[in-house]
């Protein structure tokens, strides 16, 4: 089952981290992401712009699939554990 979630907080709102537990599509307003990074425990699609406010890690667990189809800026390290991370680059 897939779920959708619209980010309706103000654009560029700062969050320390995002943890995704479920097959979500995350969309709408941009965010600034702190050192906590992104943790995907399922299969998620992210379509809002992300500014990395600190160097951080983006990782997925074994068997997960994280797709980021959005503008990215800043510095991040992408890690996986027998999982898939897709970055859609224009």
Protein backbone atom coordinates (compact mmCIF):
# COMPACT_ATOMS: atom_id res chain seq x y z
CA UNK A 1 0.00 0.00 0.00
CA UNK A 2 1.26 3.50 -0.85
CA UNK A 3 0.53 6.71 1.01
CA UNK A 4 0.89 10.39 0.08
CA UNK A 5 1.86 13.21 2.37
CA UNK A 6 1.85 16.91 1.44
CA UNK A 7 4.30 19.10 3.30
CA UNK A 8 2.18 22.17 4.05
CA UNK A 9 4.60 23.89 6.45
CA UNK A 10 6.28 27.09 5.23
CA UNK A 11 8.89 26.62 2.49
CA UNK A 12 12.46 26.10 3.75
CA UNK A 13 11.28 25.10 7.26
CA UNK A 14 14.21 23.47 9.08
CA UNK A 15 14.03 19.86 10.28
CA UNK A 16 16.87 17.97 11.96
CA UNK A 17 15.95 14.67 10.29
CA UNK A 18 13.33 12.71 8.39
CA UNK A 19 12.54 9.05 9.10
CA UNK A 20 10.21 7.33 6.66
CA UNK A 21 8.35 4.20 7.82
CA UNK A 22 5.97 3.23 5.05
CA UNK A 23 5.63 3.49 1.30
CA UNK A 24 5.13 7.25 1.15
CA UNK A 25 5.31 9.84 -1.57
CA UNK A 26 6.38 13.11 0.09
CA UNK A 27 5.60 16.28 -1.86
CA UNK A 28 5.01 20.05 -1.79
CA UNK A 29 7.05 22.74 0.03
CA UNK A 30 10.84 22.69 0.24
CA UNK A 31 12.71 21.93 3.50
CA UNK A 32 16.10 22.60 5.04
CA UNK A 33 17.47 19.40 6.53
CA UNK A 34 19.83 19.35 9.52
CA UNK A 35 22.58 16.90 10.47
CA UNK A 36 20.09 14.11 11.27
CA UNK A 37 19.68 13.28 7.56
CA UNK A 38 17.13 10.98 5.95
CA UNK A 39 16.42 7.42 7.04
CA UNK A 40 14.19 5.31 4.79
CA UNK A 41 12.88 2.07 6.30
CA UNK A 42 10.59 1.22 3.40
CA UNK A 43 10.22 2.46 -0.17
CA UNK A 44 9.62 6.18 -0.48
CA UNK A 45 9.55 8.89 -3.12
CA UNK A 46 10.55 12.46 -2.21
CA UNK A 47 9.56 15.22 -4.63
CA UNK A 48 10.12 18.44 -2.65
CA UNK A 49 13.35 20.46 -2.80
CA UNK A 50 15.86 19.74 -0.02
CA UNK A 51 18.62 22.07 1.16
CA UNK A 52 21.16 20.26 3.32
CA UNK A 53 21.85 22.68 6.16
CA UNK A 54 24.67 20.48 7.46
CA UNK A 55 26.75 17.61 6.14
CA UNK A 56 24.72 14.46 6.71
CA UNK A 57 23.87 10.93 5.64
CA UNK A 58 20.96 9.64 3.64
CA UNK A 59 20.49 5.91 4.05
CA UNK A 60 18.09 3.05 3.48
CA UNK A 61 17.71 -0.35 5.10
CA UNK A 62 18.10 -3.67 3.33
CA UNK A 63 15.41 -4.10 0.70
CA UNK A 64 14.24 -0.48 0.77
CA UNK A 65 14.04 1.82 -2.26
CA UNK A 66 14.37 5.57 -1.85
CA UNK A 67 13.73 7.81 -4.86
CA UNK A 68 14.58 11.51 -4.67
CA UNK A 69 13.16 13.40 -7.63
CA UNK A 70 13.74 16.96 -6.46
CA UNK A 71 16.32 19.74 -6.43
CA UNK A 72 19.09 19.11 -3.88
CA UNK A 73 21.64 21.58 -2.54
CA UNK A 74 24.31 21.38 0.13
CA UNK A 75 26.41 18.36 1.14
CA UNK A 76 25.27 14.80 1.86
CA UNK A 77 26.66 11.27 1.84
CA UNK A 78 24.42 8.60 0.36
CA UNK A 79 24.65 5.14 1.95
CA UNK A 80 22.73 1.94 1.43
CA UNK A 81 22.59 -1.56 2.84
CA UNK A 82 21.58 -3.83 -0.04
CA UNK A 83 18.96 -1.28 -0.97
CA UNK A 84 18.44 1.17 -3.80
CA UNK A 85 18.74 4.95 -3.80
CA UNK A 86 17.65 6.72 -6.97
CA UNK A 87 18.56 10.33 -7.63
CA UNK A 88 16.74 11.87 -10.58
CA UNK A 89 19.04 14.50 -12.05
CA UNK A 90 18.03 17.06 -14.66
